[in-house]
Amino acid sequence: MSTDQDLYAGSSETSEGRVFTVSGQDWDTIAEGLADEEVMERVVVNMGPQHPSTHGVLRLILELEGETVTEARCGIGYLHTGIEKNMEYRSWTQGVTFCTRMDYLSPFYNEMTYVLGVERLLGIDGQGDDSVPEKAQVMRVLLMELNRISSHLVAIATGGMEIGALTVMTIGFRERELVLDLFELITGLRMNHAFIRPGGVAQDLPPGALDEIRGFVALMKKRLPEYADLCNANPIFKARLEGVGHLDLAGCLALGLTGPVLRSTGYPWDLRKSQPYCGYETYEFDVQTWDTADSYGRFRVRLNEMWESLRIVEQAADRLAKLDGAPVMVGDKKIAWPSQLAIGSDGMGNSLDHIRHIMGESMEALIHHFKLVTEGFRVPAGQAYVPVESPRGELGAHVVSDGGTRPFRAHFRDPSFTNLQATSVMAEGGMVADVIVAIASIDPVMGGVDR
């Protein structure tokens, strides 16, 4: 073993302190020697934005002392879409096509909060004959809960991948594909649907959709226990998650955190119960909570919430079976068209009946058709904010109208943006490896952090 004199023979004093030059020596002994000399070095490291475990384009600026994180900050300005500004130059219905692309794992929730704000300004959010039809509301609930399942599956799958649990990732994406198949069957698209429109939904369920949905529910009841078997009591999985990213109720309330992060503290705050919309107060389900306020608790909350979503989907499917043939769009043609486009049997263009009406029966209908297609409908002046409970927490759209045919302003309160405030609190004092777990437990989607 070399002596201390041999180890530090290359040391020298500089203006910045003592510098050690070593070669080929035992690093444990060197580390002990440096500790004796009270030498402390902190390194600033960039994790991301091009990093597979920072959820897209999130940049983390970490200050490290060895493997311990002494300071963590988020850099979020690496995704620019201009969605909110673009919406000011499109009709109210066209705005759905933009906002569905924000949180790309929860497109139906983006559409829903925006449409609910528009409908409140239009005065069609009540229970009267001129309001959104019951069948449309049930379809919205059905799609949102299927979307909650698909989003939570991605959260669990990617979180598992980031800690090396590749089996969890594999089965997570396996089930998500089944949900996206249902979305494609119902809306024609797997993502970015623009299906929920002011006044209702774009079109009715296709033939056989309810059977496919019920088959999916039955299959998921067999598949979800696999996650519990793999993870719930797995000592390796629990060791990586328990106590990591801890944030108690007081911290969540101070930072405005919502969703599974908040409910993992034991606080049962869920907008579907506390501020119900789309008739959620008529469905039977329970708000899932945990009491550990850590990454493991957030995983368990998401796993349990998928079971509750299956309960709601079953109830919605039963209701839709009784509403066969019912309308899915308001009767007011000024809103229904072009919110609900009449599609021909070839899937291209308008239906022949509609073309026959506007081209051969009524000049007024043709003029009205042209005006609505080019301008859209007018929304009374005012402003509205209607939040929904997305898979990540409170998602809300503040919609402002000046009485015209397009939004004067639309701004979204995205939970990913708000919840990322907790990054420093969750990460500082822990290890570098735990930063990945903490971020995954927040489940941020950077498409929603654009603003």
Protein backbone atom coordinates (compact mmCIF):
# COMPACT_ATOMS: atom_id res chain seq x y z
CA MET A 1 0.00 0.00 0.00
CA SER A 2 1.33 3.42 -0.92
CA THR A 3 1.85 5.97 1.80
CA ASP A 4 0.01 9.26 1.97
CA GLN A 5 3.21 10.94 0.88
CA ASP A 6 3.31 8.73 -2.24
CA LEU A 7 -0.36 9.39 -2.97
CA TYR A 8 -0.12 13.11 -2.84
CA ALA A 9 3.39 13.57 -4.19
CA GLY A 10 1.86 15.39 -7.12
CA SER A 11 -0.16 17.88 -5.09
CA SER A 12 0.32 21.60 -5.54
CA GLU A 13 -1.21 24.80 -4.27
CA THR A 14 -3.00 27.06 -6.78
CA SER A 15 -5.11 30.20 -6.54
CA GLU A 16 -8.20 27.99 -6.55
CA GLY A 17 -6.97 25.63 -3.84
CA ARG A 18 -5.04 22.40 -3.61
CA VAL A 19 -4.89 20.23 -6.76
CA PHE A 20 -4.09 16.50 -6.59
CA THR A 21 -2.58 14.53 -9.43
CA VAL A 22 -2.77 10.77 -9.05
CA SER A 23 -2.11 7.78 -11.27
CA GLY A 24 -2.81 4.11 -10.76
CA GLN A 25 -3.55 4.34 -7.04
CA ASP A 26 -6.41 2.84 -5.05
CA TRP A 27 -9.36 5.20 -5.52
CA ASP A 28 -11.01 4.34 -2.20
CA THR A 29 -7.83 5.39 -0.39
CA ILE A 30 -7.64 8.54 -2.47
CA ALA A 31 -11.25 9.41 -1.63
CA GLU A 32 -10.55 8.95 2.08
CA GLY A 33 -7.49 11.14 1.77
CA LEU A 34 -9.48 13.87 0.07
CA ALA A 35 -12.10 13.68 2.80
CA ASP A 36 -9.35 14.15 5.40
CA GLU A 37 -8.17 17.21 3.52
CA GLU A 38 -11.76 18.61 3.67
CA VAL A 39 -11.78 19.03 -0.09
CA MET A 40 -15.33 19.40 -1.44
CA GLU A 41 -16.14 19.49 -5.14
CA ARG A 42 -19.59 20.03 -6.66
CA VAL A 43 -20.28 19.34 -10.29
CA VAL A 44 -23.09 20.76 -12.41
CA VAL A 45 -24.51 18.19 -14.82
CA ASN A 46 -27.10 18.57 -17.57
CA MET A 47 -29.53 15.66 -17.74
CA GLY A 48 -31.43 16.13 -20.99
CA PRO A 49 -33.11 17.61 -22.90
CA GLN A 50 -32.11 14.73 -25.19
CA HIS A 51 -32.30 11.98 -22.62
CA PRO A 52 -34.48 8.84 -22.66
CA SER A 53 -35.46 9.19 -19.01
CA THR A 54 -36.46 12.86 -18.88
CA HIS A 55 -39.76 12.33 -20.70
CA GLY A 56 -39.14 13.97 -24.01
CA VAL A 57 -37.46 17.36 -23.97
CA LEU A 58 -37.15 18.13 -20.26
CA ARG A 59 -33.76 19.45 -19.22
CA LEU A 60 -32.62 18.95 -15.64
CA ILE A 61 -29.73 21.02 -14.30
CA LEU A 62 -28.31 19.01 -11.43
CA GLU A 63 -25.65 20.09 -8.97
CA LEU A 64 -23.96 17.00 -7.59
CA GLU A 65 -21.73 16.26 -4.67
CA GLY A 66 -20.54 12.80 -5.56
CA GLU A 67 -23.74 10.86 -6.27
CA THR A 68 -25.90 13.14 -4.12
CA VAL A 69 -28.06 15.84 -5.70
CA THR A 70 -27.58 19.14 -3.88
CA GLU A 71 -29.65 21.24 -6.27
CA ALA A 72 -32.07 20.44 -9.11
CA ARG A 73 -33.71 22.80 -11.55
CA CYS A 74 -35.93 22.28 -14.60
CA GLY A 75 -35.36 23.75 -18.03
CA ILE A 76 -38.63 23.43 -19.92
CA GLY A 77 -38.31 25.67 -22.97
CA TYR A 78 -37.39 23.08 -25.56
CA LEU A 79 -40.76 22.40 -27.20
CA HIS A 80 -42.47 25.17 -29.13
CA THR A 81 -45.82 24.61 -30.83
CA GLY A 82 -47.64 27.94 -30.47
CA ILE A 83 -50.94 26.10 -30.03
CA GLU A 84 -52.69 28.74 -27.94
CA LYS A 85 -51.77 31.55 -30.33
CA ASN A 86 -52.77 29.53 -33.37
CA MET A 87 -56.21 28.95 -31.86
CA GLU A 88 -56.86 32.70 -32.04
CA TYR A 89 -56.76 32.48 -35.85
CA ARG A 90 -59.10 29.51 -36.27
CA SER A 91 -62.80 28.93 -35.72
CA TRP A 92 -64.08 27.61 -32.40
CA THR A 93 -64.42 24.11 -33.81
CA GLN A 94 -61.01 24.15 -35.47
CA GLY A 95 -59.49 24.96 -32.08
CA VAL A 96 -60.16 21.37 -31.03
CA THR A 97 -57.73 20.16 -33.69
CA PHE A 98 -54.97 22.24 -32.09
CA CYS A 99 -55.50 21.63 -28.38
CA THR A 100 -55.86 17.85 -28.77
CA ARG A 101 -52.12 17.80 -29.53
CA MET A 102 -50.93 19.40 -26.28
CA ASP A 103 -50.78 16.55 -23.77
CA TYR A 104 -50.49 13.94 -26.49
CA LEU A 105 -51.07 11.06 -24.07
CA SER A 106 -54.42 12.53 -22.95
CA PRO A 107 -55.90 14.09 -26.10
CA PHE A 108 -59.55 13.64 -25.09
CA TYR A 109 -59.03 15.62 -21.89
CA ASN A 110 -57.50 18.53 -23.81
CA GLU A 111 -60.52 18.55 -26.09
CA MET A 112 -62.94 18.16 -23.20
CA THR A 113 -61.84 21.10 -21.07
CA TYR A 114 -61.78 23.43 -24.08
CA VAL A 115 -65.17 22.29 -25.37
CA LEU A 116 -66.77 22.58 -21.91
CA GLY A 117 -65.64 26.21 -21.76
CA VAL A 118 -67.06 26.94 -25.21
CA GLU A 119 -70.35 25.24 -24.33
CA ARG A 120 -70.64 27.28 -21.14
CA LEU A 121 -70.30 30.48 -23.16
CA LEU A 122 -72.86 29.17 -25.64
CA GLY A 123 -75.26 28.35 -22.79
CA ILE A 124 -75.72 24.73 -23.86
CA ASP A 125 -74.06 23.08 -20.85
CA GLY A 126 -77.32 22.53 -18.93
CA GLN A 127 -79.99 19.85 -19.05
CA GLY A 128 -82.54 21.34 -21.46
CA ASP A 129 -83.54 20.31 -24.96
CA ASP A 130 -81.05 22.77 -26.45
CA SER A 131 -78.16 21.35 -24.44
CA VAL A 132 -75.59 18.66 -25.23
CA PRO A 133 -77.42 15.33 -25.71
CA GLU A 134 -77.11 12.66 -23.03
CA LYS A 135 -75.56 10.16 -25.42
CA ALA A 136 -72.78 12.58 -26.31
CA GLN A 137 -72.01 13.10 -22.62
CA VAL A 138 -71.87 9.35 -22.00
CA MET A 139 -69.58 8.86 -24.99
CA ARG A 140 -67.30 11.59 -23.65
CA VAL A 141 -67.06 9.86 -20.27
CA LEU A 142 -66.37 6.53 -21.97
CA LEU A 143 -63.55 7.96 -24.09
CA MET A 144 -61.99 9.88 -21.22
CA GLU A 145 -61.86 6.85 -18.95
CA LEU A 146 -60.38 4.68 -21.69
CA ASN A 147 -57.86 7.49 -22.17
CA ARG A 148 -57.08 7.49 -18.43
CA ILE A 149 -56.26 3.79 -18.66
CA SER A 150 -54.01 4.25 -21.70
CA SER A 151 -52.20 7.20 -20.09
CA HIS A 152 -51.60 5.39 -16.80
CA LEU A 153 -50.33 2.38 -18.73
CA VAL A 154 -47.71 4.58 -20.38
CA ALA A 155 -46.76 6.11 -17.02
CA ILE A 156 -46.23 2.70 -15.44
CA ALA A 157 -44.55 1.23 -18.52
CA THR A 158 -42.04 4.04 -19.02
CA GLY A 159 -41.42 4.29 -15.28
CA GLY A 160 -40.62 0.60 -15.23
CA MET A 161 -38.32 0.91 -18.22
CA GLU A 162 -36.36 3.69 -16.54
CA ILE A 163 -35.50 1.50 -13.55
CA GLY A 164 -34.77 -1.57 -15.65
CA ALA A 165 -38.13 -3.35 -15.24
CA LEU A 166 -38.49 -4.09 -18.95
CA THR A 167 -41.24 -6.65 -18.43
CA VAL A 168 -43.44 -3.93 -16.97
CA MET A 169 -42.78 -1.79 -20.02
CA THR A 170 -43.61 -4.62 -22.38
CA ILE A 171 -46.96 -5.50 -20.89
CA GLY A 172 -47.83 -1.82 -20.38
CA PHE A 173 -47.51 -1.01 -24.05
CA ARG A 174 -49.22 -4.28 -24.94
CA GLU A 175 -52.40 -3.16 -23.19
CA ARG A 176 -52.11 0.41 -24.44
CA GLU A 177 -52.25 -0.85 -28.01
CA LEU A 178 -55.64 -2.37 -27.25
CA VAL A 179 -56.98 0.99 -26.07
CA LEU A 180 -55.63 2.76 -29.14
CA ASP A 181 -57.36 0.15 -31.30
CA LEU A 182 -60.64 1.15 -29.65
CA PHE A 183 -59.91 4.83 -30.27
CA GLU A 184 -59.24 4.08 -33.92
CA LEU A 185 -62.48 2.12 -34.18
CA ILE A 186 -64.57 4.92 -32.63
CA THR A 187 -62.87 8.07 -33.94
CA GLY A 188 -60.81 6.90 -36.91
CA LEU A 189 -57.53 7.93 -35.25
CA ARG A 190 -55.25 6.47 -32.60
CA MET A 191 -54.18 9.88 -31.24
CA ASN A 192 -55.02 13.59 -31.72
CA HIS A 193 -58.64 12.79 -32.46
CA ALA A 194 -60.46 16.18 -32.50
CA PHE A 195 -63.53 14.04 -31.83
CA ILE A 196 -65.13 15.93 -28.94
CA ARG A 197 -66.69 19.04 -30.51
CA PRO A 198 -68.74 21.98 -29.19
CA GLY A 199 -72.26 20.62 -28.89
CA GLY A 200 -71.42 16.93 -28.65
CA VAL A 201 -69.14 14.52 -30.51
CA ALA A 202 -68.27 14.21 -34.18
CA GLN A 203 -70.21 11.02 -34.86
CA ASP A 204 -72.00 8.08 -33.28
CA LEU A 205 -70.42 4.79 -32.24
CA PRO A 206 -69.81 2.46 -35.19
CA PRO A 207 -71.50 -0.95 -35.30
CA GLY A 208 -69.93 -3.48 -32.97
CA ALA A 209 -68.07 -0.88 -30.88
CA LEU A 210 -69.84 -1.77 -27.62
CA ASP A 211 -68.95 -5.44 -28.04
CA GLU A 212 -65.30 -4.53 -28.56
CA ILE A 213 -65.34 -2.28 -25.50
CA ARG A 214 -66.85 -4.99 -23.30
CA GLY A 215 -64.30 -7.47 -24.59
CA PHE A 216 -61.52 -5.06 -23.68
CA VAL A 217 -62.88 -4.61 -20.14
CA ALA A 218 -63.06 -8.36 -19.62
CA LEU A 219 -59.49 -8.79 -20.84
CA MET A 220 -58.13 -5.95 -18.69
CA LYS A 221 -59.65 -7.51 -15.59
CA LYS A 222 -57.38 -10.48 -16.28
CA ARG A 223 -54.34 -8.43 -17.26
CA LEU A 224 -54.24 -5.79 -14.50
CA PRO A 225 -53.48 -8.34 -11.75
CA GLU A 226 -50.22 -9.07 -13.60
CA TYR A 227 -48.96 -5.61 -12.65
CA ALA A 228 -49.76 -6.29 -9.01
CA ASP A 229 -48.01 -9.66 -9.15
CA LEU A 230 -44.93 -8.15 -10.78
CA CYS A 231 -44.58 -4.97 -8.75
CA ASN A 232 -46.70 -4.51 -5.63
CA ALA A 233 -44.63 -6.69 -3.30
CA ASN A 234 -41.52 -7.01 -5.44
CA PRO A 235 -38.62 -6.18 -3.06
CA ILE A 236 -36.43 -4.74 -5.83
CA PHE A 237 -39.25 -2.63 -7.25
CA LYS A 238 -40.27 -1.36 -3.82
CA ALA A 239 -36.68 -0.59 -2.84
CA ARG A 240 -36.34 1.67 -5.88
CA LEU A 241 -39.62 3.52 -5.25
CA GLU A 242 -40.37 3.57 -1.54
CA GLY A 243 -39.31 6.79 0.13
CA VAL A 244 -38.13 8.25 -3.19
CA GLY A 245 -39.54 11.59 -4.34
CA HIS A 246 -41.28 12.18 -1.02
CA LEU A 247 -43.63 15.17 -0.91
CA ASP A 248 -46.26 15.51 1.80
CA LEU A 249 -49.70 17.10 1.66
CA ALA A 250 -48.51 20.53 2.82
CA GLY A 251 -45.92 20.58 0.04
CA CYS A 252 -48.45 19.56 -2.59
CA LEU A 253 -50.91 22.24 -1.52
CA ALA A 254 -48.20 24.90 -1.41
CA LEU A 255 -47.10 24.10 -4.96
CA GLY A 256 -50.58 23.52 -6.40
CA LEU A 257 -49.97 19.89 -7.26
CA THR A 258 -52.92 17.71 -8.25
CA GLY A 259 -53.67 14.25 -9.58
CA PRO A 260 -52.00 11.04 -8.36
CA VAL A 261 -49.16 13.05 -6.78
CA LEU A 262 -51.64 14.77 -4.47
CA ARG A 263 -53.74 11.67 -3.84
CA SER A 264 -50.65 9.68 -2.85
CA THR A 265 -50.59 11.82 0.31
CA GLY A 266 -53.99 10.47 1.32
CA TYR A 267 -55.99 13.54 0.24
CA PRO A 268 -59.00 12.40 -1.87
CA TRP A 269 -59.18 15.40 -4.24
CA ASP A 270 -60.68 14.41 -7.60
CA LEU A 271 -62.63 16.88 -9.75
CA ARG A 272 -64.92 14.10 -10.96
CA LYS A 273 -66.27 14.00 -7.39
CA SER A 274 -65.64 17.51 -6.04
CA GLN A 275 -66.66 19.47 -9.17
CA PRO A 276 -68.41 16.92 -11.42
CA TYR A 277 -68.91 17.48 -15.14
CA CYS A 278 -70.39 15.39 -17.98
CA GLY A 279 -72.65 13.66 -15.45
CA TYR A 280 -69.84 12.05 -13.42
CA GLU A 281 -71.97 12.46 -10.31
CA THR A 282 -74.24 9.72 -11.69
CA TYR A 283 -71.49 7.10 -11.94
CA GLU A 284 -70.36 4.80 -9.16
CA PHE A 285 -66.61 4.88 -8.51
CA ASP A 286 -64.20 5.57 -5.67
CA VAL A 287 -61.40 8.10 -5.42
CA GLN A 288 -58.16 6.17 -4.95
CA THR A 289 -55.58 7.39 -2.43
CA TRP A 290 -52.41 6.14 -0.77
CA ASP A 291 -50.66 7.29 2.40
CA THR A 292 -46.92 7.14 1.65
CA ALA A 293 -46.52 10.40 -0.34
CA ASP A 294 -43.73 8.85 -2.41
CA SER A 295 -43.13 7.32 -5.83
CA TYR A 296 -44.42 3.94 -4.75
CA GLY A 297 -47.69 5.47 -3.57
CA ARG A 298 -48.16 7.23 -6.92
CA PHE A 299 -47.67 3.95 -8.72
CA ARG A 300 -50.29 2.25 -6.56
CA VAL A 301 -52.75 5.13 -7.06
CA ARG A 302 -52.46 4.85 -10.84
CA LEU A 303 -52.82 1.09 -10.75
CA ASN A 304 -55.96 1.33 -8.61
CA GLU A 305 -57.40 4.13 -10.74
CA MET A 306 -57.35 1.88 -13.78
CA TRP A 307 -59.70 -0.50 -11.97
CA GLU A 308 -62.05 2.40 -11.21
CA SER A 309 -61.93 3.51 -14.85
CA LEU A 310 -62.99 0.02 -15.91
CA ARG A 311 -65.99 0.34 -13.57
CA ILE A 312 -66.98 3.63 -15.20
CA VAL A 313 -66.46 2.25 -18.73
CA GLU A 314 -68.79 -0.66 -17.94
CA GLN A 315 -71.49 1.71 -16.70
CA ALA A 316 -71.08 3.96 -19.74
CA ALA A 317 -71.34 0.99 -22.11
CA ASP A 318 -74.56 -0.15 -20.44
CA ARG A 319 -76.04 3.34 -20.82
CA LEU A 320 -75.04 3.59 -24.46
CA ALA A 321 -76.76 0.29 -25.19
CA LYS A 322 -80.02 1.90 -24.03
CA LEU A 323 -79.41 5.06 -26.08
CA ASP A 324 -79.11 3.36 -29.46
CA GLY A 325 -80.09 5.82 -32.19
CA ALA A 326 -80.12 8.85 -29.87
CA PRO A 327 -78.49 12.08 -31.13
CA VAL A 328 -74.86 12.85 -30.35
CA MET A 329 -74.95 16.56 -31.30
CA VAL A 330 -77.13 19.53 -30.33
CA GLY A 331 -80.09 20.27 -32.54
CA ASP A 332 -79.05 23.85 -33.29
CA LYS A 333 -77.73 23.63 -36.84
CA LYS A 334 -75.63 26.76 -36.41
CA ILE A 335 -73.55 24.82 -33.89
CA ALA A 336 -74.05 21.27 -35.14
CA TRP A 337 -72.66 22.26 -38.54
CA PRO A 338 -69.72 22.25 -38.97
CA SER A 339 -69.08 20.75 -35.50
CA GLN A 340 -70.56 17.52 -36.76
CA LEU A 341 -69.59 16.99 -40.37
CA ALA A 342 -71.90 14.74 -42.37
CA ILE A 343 -69.55 12.13 -43.85
CA GLY A 344 -70.46 10.00 -46.84
CA SER A 345 -70.25 6.22 -46.97
CA ASP A 346 -66.85 6.44 -48.66
CA GLY A 347 -65.47 8.41 -45.73
CA MET A 348 -64.65 11.31 -48.03
CA GLY A 349 -66.59 14.56 -48.10
CA ASN A 350 -70.19 15.30 -47.22
CA SER A 351 -73.11 12.91 -47.39
CA LEU A 352 -75.14 12.85 -50.60
CA ASP A 353 -78.29 13.87 -48.74
CA HIS A 354 -76.60 17.01 -47.45
CA ILE A 355 -75.21 17.88 -50.88
CA ARG A 356 -78.64 17.35 -52.45
CA HIS A 357 -80.20 19.70 -49.90
CA ILE A 358 -77.76 22.58 -50.25
CA MET A 359 -77.28 22.28 -54.02
CA GLY A 360 -80.78 21.50 -55.24
CA GLU A 361 -83.39 22.49 -52.69
CA SER A 362 -82.53 25.79 -51.03
CA MET A 363 -80.34 28.74 -51.96
CA GLU A 364 -80.55 29.87 -48.32
CA ALA A 365 -79.18 26.50 -47.19
CA LEU A 366 -76.24 26.85 -49.59
CA ILE A 367 -75.46 30.37 -48.35
CA HIS A 368 -75.78 29.23 -44.73
CA HIS A 369 -73.57 26.21 -45.42
CA PHE A 370 -70.86 28.36 -47.02
CA LYS A 371 -70.89 30.90 -44.21
CA LEU A 372 -70.65 28.30 -41.47
CA VAL A 373 -67.88 26.37 -43.18
CA THR A 374 -65.77 29.46 -43.83
CA GLU A 375 -66.44 31.33 -40.58
CA GLY A 376 -67.98 28.95 -38.06
CA PHE A 377 -70.54 29.91 -35.42
CA ARG A 378 -70.41 32.93 -33.14
CA VAL A 379 -69.93 32.62 -29.39
CA PRO A 380 -71.35 35.28 -27.04
CA ALA A 381 -68.78 37.57 -25.44
CA GLY A 382 -67.50 36.40 -22.07
CA GLN A 383 -65.00 34.08 -20.45
CA ALA A 384 -65.16 30.66 -18.85
CA TYR A 385 -62.91 28.19 -17.08
CA VAL A 386 -64.04 24.58 -16.68
CA PRO A 387 -61.40 22.16 -15.30
CA VAL A 388 -61.38 18.39 -15.73
CA GLU A 389 -59.56 15.62 -13.87
CA SER A 390 -56.95 14.44 -16.36
CA PRO A 391 -54.62 11.49 -15.64
CA ARG A 392 -52.04 13.98 -14.37
CA GLY A 393 -54.36 16.24 -12.36
CA GLU A 394 -56.38 19.41 -12.91
CA LEU A 395 -56.45 20.40 -16.58
CA GLY A 396 -58.39 23.55 -17.39
CA ALA A 397 -58.95 25.90 -20.32
CA HIS A 398 -59.58 29.61 -19.81
CA VAL A 399 -61.59 30.54 -22.89
CA VAL A 400 -62.31 34.18 -23.77
CA SER A 401 -64.72 35.33 -26.49
CA ASP A 402 -65.29 38.82 -27.90
CA GLY A 403 -68.48 37.71 -29.59
CA GLY A 404 -66.78 36.58 -32.77
CA THR A 405 -66.32 33.34 -34.66
CA ARG A 406 -62.94 32.47 -33.14
CA PRO A 407 -61.40 32.57 -29.67
CA PHE A 408 -60.12 35.94 -28.51
CA ARG A 409 -57.87 34.02 -26.11
CA ALA A 410 -57.46 30.44 -24.96
CA HIS A 411 -55.03 29.51 -22.22
CA PHE A 412 -54.61 26.08 -20.65
CA ARG A 413 -53.71 25.20 -17.08
CA ASP A 414 -51.76 22.01 -17.68
CA PRO A 415 -50.97 19.78 -14.67
CA SER A 416 -47.60 18.68 -16.08
CA PHE A 417 -46.40 22.29 -16.01
CA THR A 418 -47.59 22.83 -12.45
CA ASN A 419 -46.49 19.47 -11.09
CA LEU A 420 -42.94 19.88 -12.39
CA GLN A 421 -42.45 22.52 -9.70
CA ALA A 422 -41.97 19.61 -7.32
CA THR A 423 -38.84 18.36 -9.09
CA SER A 424 -36.35 20.17 -6.86
CA VAL A 425 -38.16 19.26 -3.64
CA MET A 426 -38.36 15.59 -4.62
CA ALA A 427 -34.82 15.27 -5.98
CA GLU A 428 -32.56 17.35 -3.73
CA GLY A 429 -30.82 15.31 -1.05
CA GLY A 430 -31.30 12.06 -2.96
CA MET A 431 -29.13 10.13 -5.35
CA VAL A 432 -28.81 10.75 -9.09
CA ALA A 433 -30.58 7.48 -9.83
CA ASP A 434 -33.52 8.60 -7.69
CA VAL A 435 -34.03 11.70 -9.83
CA ILE A 436 -35.25 9.43 -12.64
CA VAL A 437 -37.73 7.73 -10.33
CA ALA A 438 -39.02 11.04 -8.95
CA ILE A 439 -39.59 12.51 -12.42
CA ALA A 440 -41.32 9.33 -13.59
CA SER A 441 -43.66 9.47 -10.56
CA ILE A 442 -44.78 12.98 -11.61
CA ASP A 443 -45.55 11.59 -15.10
CA PRO A 444 -45.00 14.87 -17.00
CA VAL A 445 -45.86 15.18 -20.68
CA MET A 446 -43.84 17.98 -22.22
CA GLY A 447 -46.42 18.71 -24.90
CA GLY A 448 -48.50 20.19 -22.11
CA VAL A 449 -45.60 22.23 -20.73
CA ASP A 450 -45.16 24.16 -23.98
CA ARG A 451 -46.65 27.31 -22.49
